[in-house]
Amino acid sequence: GLAVGDQIVVRALSQAEASGGSAPEETWTIVGTVFFPYGYGGFSPVLPENSVFAALPDAQHITGFNSFTTLYIRYTDYPTAKAHVEDINHTIAATGTYIPIFTFNEDPAKNSLIAFTQTFGGVMAMLGMMALVVSGFLVFNVLTAIVTEQRQQIGVMKSVGASRTDNFLMYSGMALIYGLMGVIPGVLLGIPVGFVAAKAFAESSNMVVDKFGVSTQAVVLGIVVGLAVPVLASLLPVFNGTRVSIREALTDLGISASYGRGPLARLVSRLPVPITVRQGISNVIRKKGRIVLTVITLTLAAGSFMGVFAVFNSISKVLDEFFKAYTF
């Protein structure tokens, strides 16, 4: 909440001895703000929002230190820095003033913050792919049910001149409509929600998102995927459903010759439950393939939820342990 021109009160530790052992308080003015991109801090890292930057004489006056604790050195490129780590250690040690205790070199293009962001992005992309697979199963299941229930309509349309291609385009177009119903609100809500999520995630990765922007590439990708997934998922059930002949469709009463003769049907008929319950169970087990698809869809959906929950729970637990270790 601090800004340029605000004043803060600090204790001038360098003046403690002159004032009889107690550090006098002084008022200092903030003259600028700094974006600290790397978040250096060694074994006890200090968060950027808790850092104060000062010129060397001012820092010595406030803190009272007479020597450095850490040196940060940057080279024009990482291979050069990596090749001269030992040279730096020898140079510092040769001064006779400092003894290098610990040296850490890191590629700015592959630092820990970037690696964490890439890992988190990969996890979210994986969960997004699982959501696409789940949605594809749902569309597949719905279209299978619709085509199966409308076998007679397909036969009637064929009898009055509609070709198999006409029926195929009609039911695939239904899947396209499902895609439009999901894409339009999804894209419109995804743009502001994505910005809010990116801004919140950027803060945890020590980055700054200071203005709203729309990614044309992401919008186009979302539209293409949102329309392609339901259409592709509908191809197989629509292809199988439109293969029915006119005779098969018009003579289909919805009951197979073996209905009620299978072991599951006999088991259901003997269940000590009301007849309405038995009828419901019979309707469910008639389409075993549909049951399998439904179970797979629900399993993937539950797995996706558990994955998201586990990721965020693990991140929160690690951060809590980290802050406890350094008493933040």
Protein backbone atom coordinates (compact mmCIF):
# COMPACT_ATOMS: atom_id res chain seq x y z
CA GLY A 1 0.00 0.00 0.00
CA LEU A 2 3.02 2.32 0.02
CA ALA A 3 3.67 4.73 -2.84
CA VAL A 4 6.14 7.40 -3.90
CA GLY A 5 6.05 10.32 -1.49
CA ASP A 6 4.89 8.29 1.50
CA GLN A 7 6.95 8.40 4.67
CA ILE A 8 8.13 5.50 6.81
CA VAL A 9 9.66 5.49 10.28
CA VAL A 10 12.86 3.48 10.73
CA ARG A 11 15.32 2.92 13.56
CA ALA A 12 18.82 4.21 12.76
CA LEU A 13 20.89 1.36 14.17
CA SER A 14 24.15 3.12 13.28
CA GLN A 15 23.30 5.85 15.80
CA ALA A 16 22.52 3.46 18.67
CA GLU A 17 25.91 3.82 20.38
CA ALA A 18 25.88 7.61 20.09
CA SER A 19 22.44 7.81 21.66
CA GLY A 20 23.26 5.63 24.64
CA GLY A 21 22.39 2.20 23.22
CA SER A 22 18.89 2.87 21.89
CA ALA A 23 18.44 3.41 18.17
CA PRO A 24 16.69 6.73 17.46
CA GLU A 25 13.70 6.75 15.12
CA GLU A 26 13.93 8.70 11.87
CA THR A 27 11.39 9.52 9.19
CA TRP A 28 12.38 8.68 5.60
CA THR A 29 10.55 9.44 2.36
CA ILE A 30 9.96 6.92 -0.42
CA VAL A 31 11.32 8.36 -3.66
CA GLY A 32 10.64 5.42 -5.99
CA THR A 33 9.39 1.85 -6.35
CA VAL A 34 11.36 -1.05 -7.75
CA PHE A 35 10.32 -4.20 -9.62
CA PHE A 36 12.51 -6.98 -8.22
CA PRO A 37 12.14 -9.81 -10.77
CA TYR A 38 14.29 -12.61 -9.39
CA GLY A 39 13.33 -12.73 -5.74
CA TYR A 40 16.83 -13.52 -4.46
CA GLY A 41 17.18 -14.23 -0.79
CA GLY A 42 19.43 -17.22 -0.21
CA PHE A 43 18.44 -19.58 2.59
CA SER A 44 16.00 -17.13 4.17
CA PRO A 45 14.32 -15.44 1.21
CA VAL A 46 12.66 -12.09 1.67
CA LEU A 47 9.53 -11.44 -0.36
CA PRO A 48 9.72 -8.41 -2.69
CA GLU A 49 6.79 -6.69 -0.98
CA ASN A 50 8.76 -6.81 2.29
CA SER A 51 11.95 -5.35 0.81
CA VAL A 52 13.31 -1.82 1.04
CA PHE A 53 15.99 -0.60 -1.38
CA ALA A 54 18.39 2.19 -0.44
CA ALA A 55 21.64 3.70 -1.61
CA LEU A 56 24.70 2.24 0.13
CA PRO A 57 25.32 5.22 2.50
CA ASP A 58 21.63 5.32 3.48
CA ALA A 59 21.52 1.54 4.03
CA GLN A 60 24.61 1.71 6.26
CA HIS A 61 23.10 4.59 8.24
CA ILE A 62 19.83 2.72 8.83
CA THR A 63 21.19 -0.78 9.51
CA GLY A 64 24.62 0.02 10.88
CA PHE A 65 26.39 -2.69 8.86
CA ASN A 66 29.99 -2.29 7.78
CA SER A 67 30.33 -5.33 5.54
CA PHE A 68 28.38 -7.20 2.90
CA THR A 69 26.58 -10.48 3.52
CA THR A 70 25.74 -11.39 -0.06
CA LEU A 71 27.01 -10.42 -3.49
CA TYR A 72 24.81 -10.76 -6.58
CA ILE A 73 26.75 -10.73 -9.84
CA ARG A 74 25.30 -10.76 -13.35
CA TYR A 75 27.07 -11.54 -16.62
CA THR A 76 26.09 -10.79 -20.18
CA ASP A 77 25.16 -14.46 -20.68
CA TYR A 78 24.80 -17.56 -18.52
CA PRO A 79 27.59 -19.70 -20.09
CA THR A 80 30.09 -16.97 -19.22
CA ALA A 81 28.78 -16.75 -15.66
CA LYS A 82 28.94 -20.53 -15.27
CA ALA A 83 32.53 -20.64 -16.54
CA HIS A 84 33.75 -17.93 -14.13
CA VAL A 85 32.15 -19.01 -10.84
CA GLU A 86 35.44 -20.25 -9.39
CA ASP A 87 37.27 -17.16 -10.63
CA ILE A 88 34.85 -14.98 -8.67
CA ASN A 89 35.34 -17.08 -5.52
CA HIS A 90 39.14 -16.83 -5.80
CA THR A 91 38.98 -13.09 -6.46
CA ILE A 92 36.79 -12.46 -3.41
CA ALA A 93 38.92 -14.69 -1.19
CA ALA A 94 42.12 -13.02 -2.41
CA THR A 95 41.01 -9.65 -1.03
CA GLY A 96 41.52 -10.97 2.50
CA THR A 97 38.30 -9.30 3.66
CA TYR A 98 35.67 -11.87 2.72
CA ILE A 99 35.52 -15.68 2.68
CA PRO A 100 33.10 -17.22 0.13
CA ILE A 101 30.93 -19.73 1.99
CA PHE A 102 28.26 -20.59 -0.54
CA THR A 103 27.92 -19.97 -4.28
CA PHE A 104 24.81 -20.51 -6.33
CA ASN A 105 24.54 -19.89 -10.06
CA GLU A 106 21.24 -19.84 -11.89
CA ASP A 107 20.23 -19.27 -15.50
CA PRO A 108 17.82 -16.29 -15.54
CA ALA A 109 15.95 -17.87 -18.43
CA LYS A 110 15.45 -21.06 -16.38
CA ASN A 111 15.26 -19.78 -12.84
CA SER A 112 13.15 -21.45 -10.18
CA LEU A 113 10.22 -19.06 -10.62
CA ILE A 114 10.03 -19.75 -14.36
CA ALA A 115 10.33 -23.50 -13.75
CA PHE A 116 7.54 -23.35 -11.17
CA THR A 117 5.34 -21.37 -13.57
CA GLN A 118 5.96 -23.83 -16.40
CA THR A 119 5.22 -26.80 -14.15
CA PHE A 120 2.01 -25.21 -12.90
CA GLY A 121 1.01 -24.34 -16.46
CA GLY A 122 1.66 -27.92 -17.54
CA VAL A 123 -0.53 -29.26 -14.75
CA MET A 124 -3.36 -26.91 -15.68
CA ALA A 125 -3.01 -27.86 -19.37
CA MET A 126 -3.21 -31.55 -18.40
CA LEU A 127 -6.35 -30.92 -16.37
CA GLY A 128 -7.79 -29.00 -19.31
CA MET A 129 -7.13 -31.97 -21.59
CA MET A 130 -8.90 -34.24 -19.10
CA ALA A 131 -11.87 -31.87 -19.14
CA LEU A 132 -11.93 -32.09 -22.96
CA VAL A 133 -11.91 -35.88 -22.80
CA VAL A 134 -14.75 -35.87 -20.27
CA SER A 135 -16.80 -33.49 -22.41
CA GLY A 136 -16.15 -35.69 -25.45
CA PHE A 137 -17.50 -38.73 -23.59
CA LEU A 138 -20.57 -36.75 -22.54
CA VAL A 139 -21.31 -35.69 -26.12
CA PHE A 140 -20.70 -39.26 -27.32
CA ASN A 141 -23.14 -40.61 -24.74
CA VAL A 142 -25.83 -38.03 -25.46
CA LEU A 143 -25.63 -38.47 -29.25
CA THR A 144 -25.68 -42.25 -28.89
CA ALA A 145 -28.88 -42.01 -26.85
CA ILE A 146 -30.50 -39.56 -29.28
CA VAL A 147 -29.67 -41.56 -32.41
CA THR A 148 -30.81 -44.81 -30.77
CA GLU A 149 -34.11 -43.29 -29.70
CA GLN A 150 -34.73 -41.78 -33.14
CA ARG A 151 -34.14 -44.86 -35.29
CA GLN A 152 -37.73 -44.66 -36.56
CA GLN A 153 -37.36 -41.00 -37.48
CA ILE A 154 -34.17 -41.82 -39.40
CA GLY A 155 -36.03 -44.60 -41.27
CA VAL A 156 -38.93 -42.26 -42.10
CA MET A 157 -36.55 -39.59 -43.40
CA LYS A 158 -34.81 -42.19 -45.56
CA SER A 159 -38.18 -43.42 -46.88
CA VAL A 160 -39.09 -39.92 -48.11
CA GLY A 161 -35.75 -39.39 -49.89
CA ALA A 162 -33.23 -38.30 -47.28
CA SER A 163 -29.84 -39.88 -47.89
CA ARG A 164 -27.53 -41.24 -45.23
CA THR A 165 -25.36 -38.15 -45.73
CA ASP A 166 -28.35 -35.91 -45.01
CA ASN A 167 -29.02 -37.73 -41.74
CA PHE A 168 -25.33 -37.70 -40.86
CA LEU A 169 -25.07 -33.94 -41.37
CA MET A 170 -28.28 -33.36 -39.43
CA TYR A 171 -27.15 -35.18 -36.29
CA SER A 172 -23.55 -33.97 -36.50
CA GLY A 173 -24.98 -30.48 -36.82
CA MET A 174 -26.77 -31.13 -33.54
CA ALA A 175 -23.37 -31.76 -31.96
CA LEU A 176 -22.11 -28.53 -33.52
CA ILE A 177 -25.01 -26.68 -31.87
CA TYR A 178 -23.97 -28.20 -28.54
CA GLY A 179 -20.47 -26.89 -29.18
CA LEU A 180 -21.77 -23.37 -29.91
CA MET A 181 -23.87 -23.43 -26.74
CA GLY A 182 -20.71 -24.15 -24.76
CA VAL A 183 -18.23 -22.00 -26.70
CA ILE A 184 -20.10 -18.70 -26.64
CA PRO A 185 -20.49 -18.36 -22.83
CA GLY A 186 -17.19 -20.19 -22.28
CA VAL A 187 -15.15 -17.70 -24.31
CA LEU A 188 -17.02 -14.64 -23.02
CA LEU A 189 -16.52 -15.73 -19.39
CA GLY A 190 -13.06 -17.16 -19.97
CA ILE A 191 -11.52 -13.83 -21.02
CA PRO A 192 -12.15 -11.88 -17.76
CA VAL A 193 -11.82 -14.97 -15.54
CA GLY A 194 -8.53 -15.85 -17.23
CA PHE A 195 -7.22 -12.34 -16.65
CA VAL A 196 -8.12 -12.45 -12.95
CA ALA A 197 -6.53 -15.89 -12.59
CA ALA A 198 -3.38 -14.83 -14.45
CA LYS A 199 -3.06 -11.71 -12.30
CA ALA A 200 -3.42 -13.72 -9.08
CA PHE A 201 -0.99 -16.39 -10.26
CA ALA A 202 1.52 -13.78 -11.44
CA GLU A 203 1.83 -12.40 -7.92
CA SER A 204 2.78 -15.83 -6.56
CA SER A 205 5.39 -16.16 -9.34
CA ASN A 206 6.89 -12.72 -8.67
CA MET A 207 5.57 -11.26 -11.91
CA VAL A 208 3.40 -8.27 -12.68
CA VAL A 209 0.27 -8.16 -14.86
CA ASP A 210 -0.56 -4.47 -14.95
CA LYS A 211 -3.10 -4.19 -17.78
CA PHE A 212 -5.99 -6.13 -19.26
CA GLY A 213 -5.35 -7.87 -22.54
CA VAL A 214 -7.07 -10.32 -24.87
CA SER A 215 -5.09 -13.11 -26.49
CA THR A 216 -6.44 -13.57 -30.01
CA GLN A 217 -4.60 -16.86 -30.30
CA ALA A 218 -6.19 -18.20 -27.11
CA VAL A 219 -9.69 -17.08 -28.19
CA VAL A 220 -9.32 -18.69 -31.62
CA LEU A 221 -7.93 -21.88 -30.08
CA GLY A 222 -10.81 -22.02 -27.59
CA ILE A 223 -13.40 -21.60 -30.35
CA VAL A 224 -11.80 -24.23 -32.60
CA VAL A 225 -11.42 -26.78 -29.80
CA GLY A 226 -14.88 -26.05 -28.40
CA LEU A 227 -16.47 -26.74 -31.79
CA ALA A 228 -14.20 -29.58 -32.89
CA VAL A 229 -14.46 -31.78 -29.77
CA PRO A 230 -18.26 -32.30 -29.84
CA VAL A 231 -18.30 -32.79 -33.62
CA LEU A 232 -15.48 -35.35 -33.49
CA ALA A 233 -17.11 -37.11 -30.53
CA SER A 234 -20.37 -37.39 -32.46
CA LEU A 235 -18.93 -39.00 -35.60
CA LEU A 236 -18.95 -42.62 -34.39
CA PRO A 237 -22.45 -42.73 -32.81
CA VAL A 238 -23.96 -40.79 -35.73
CA PHE A 239 -22.16 -43.02 -38.26
CA ASN A 240 -23.48 -46.17 -36.58
CA GLY A 241 -26.97 -44.75 -36.06
CA THR A 242 -27.47 -43.66 -39.67
CA ARG A 243 -26.56 -47.13 -40.98
CA VAL A 244 -30.02 -48.44 -40.08
CA SER A 245 -32.10 -49.50 -43.06
CA ILE A 246 -35.67 -48.35 -43.69
CA ARG A 247 -37.07 -51.82 -42.89
CA GLU A 248 -35.09 -52.16 -39.65
CA ALA A 249 -36.08 -48.69 -38.48
CA LEU A 250 -39.79 -49.01 -39.20
CA THR A 251 -40.12 -52.52 -37.74
CA ASP A 252 -38.10 -51.76 -34.61
CA LEU A 253 -40.38 -51.82 -31.57
CA GLY A 254 -37.53 -51.04 -29.21
CA ILE A 255 -37.48 -54.53 -27.67
CA SER A 256 -35.03 -57.23 -28.76
CA ALA A 257 -36.06 -60.89 -29.07
CA SER A 258 -33.87 -61.79 -26.11
CA TYR A 259 -35.22 -59.05 -23.86
CA GLY A 260 -35.81 -60.28 -20.33
CA ARG A 261 -34.03 -63.60 -20.85
CA GLY A 262 -30.53 -62.66 -19.78
CA PRO A 263 -29.04 -63.38 -16.34
CA LEU A 264 -29.09 -59.71 -15.32
CA ALA A 265 -32.73 -59.35 -16.37
CA ARG A 266 -33.73 -62.43 -14.38
CA LEU A 267 -31.79 -61.18 -11.38
CA VAL A 268 -33.53 -57.79 -11.53
CA SER A 269 -36.95 -59.43 -11.78
CA ARG A 270 -36.31 -61.22 -8.49
CA LEU A 271 -35.17 -58.19 -6.53
CA PRO A 272 -37.38 -57.47 -3.47
CA VAL A 273 -38.10 -53.89 -4.55
CA PRO A 274 -41.15 -52.15 -6.03
CA ILE A 275 -41.85 -52.75 -9.70
CA THR A 276 -41.10 -49.14 -10.59
CA VAL A 277 -37.59 -49.56 -9.20
CA ARG A 278 -37.11 -52.82 -11.12
CA GLN A 279 -38.24 -51.13 -14.32
CA GLY A 280 -35.76 -48.33 -13.78
CA ILE A 281 -32.91 -50.79 -13.21
CA SER A 282 -33.97 -52.77 -16.30
CA ASN A 283 -33.88 -49.63 -18.44
CA VAL A 284 -30.38 -48.89 -17.18
CA ILE A 285 -28.90 -52.33 -17.80
CA ARG A 286 -30.43 -52.63 -21.28
CA LYS A 287 -27.68 -50.40 -22.70
CA LYS A 288 -24.55 -51.80 -21.13
CA GLY A 289 -22.23 -49.84 -23.39
CA ARG A 290 -23.91 -46.62 -22.32
CA ILE A 291 -23.43 -47.59 -18.68
CA VAL A 292 -19.72 -48.18 -19.29
CA LEU A 293 -19.35 -44.79 -20.98
CA THR A 294 -21.21 -43.07 -18.16
CA VAL A 295 -19.02 -44.73 -15.52
CA ILE A 296 -15.86 -43.79 -17.44
CA THR A 297 -17.07 -40.19 -17.79
CA LEU A 298 -17.89 -39.89 -14.11
CA THR A 299 -14.58 -41.50 -13.18
CA LEU A 300 -12.62 -39.04 -15.32
CA ALA A 301 -14.61 -36.12 -13.95
CA ALA A 302 -13.98 -37.25 -10.37
CA GLY A 303 -10.30 -37.83 -11.18
CA SER A 304 -9.99 -34.32 -12.63
CA PHE A 305 -11.56 -32.81 -9.52
CA MET A 306 -9.29 -34.84 -7.26
CA GLY A 307 -6.28 -33.82 -9.36
CA VAL A 308 -7.08 -30.11 -9.10
CA PHE A 309 -7.73 -30.40 -5.37
CA ALA A 310 -4.54 -32.41 -4.81
CA VAL A 311 -2.38 -29.91 -6.73
CA PHE A 312 -3.63 -26.87 -4.85
CA ASN A 313 -3.55 -28.73 -1.54
CA SER A 314 0.06 -29.78 -2.13
CA ILE A 315 1.11 -26.25 -3.10
CA SER A 316 -0.60 -24.79 -0.03
CA LYS A 317 1.03 -27.37 2.24
CA VAL A 318 4.50 -26.70 0.81
CA LEU A 319 4.07 -22.94 1.17
CA ASP A 320 2.82 -23.32 4.74
CA GLU A 321 5.81 -25.46 5.70
CA PHE A 322 8.14 -23.02 3.99
CA PHE A 323 6.80 -20.01 5.82
CA LYS A 324 6.78 -21.91 9.12
CA ALA A 325 10.43 -22.83 8.64
CA TYR A 326 11.41 -19.19 8.17
CA THR A 327 8.82 -17.81 10.65
CA PHE A 328 7.17 -15.45 8.19
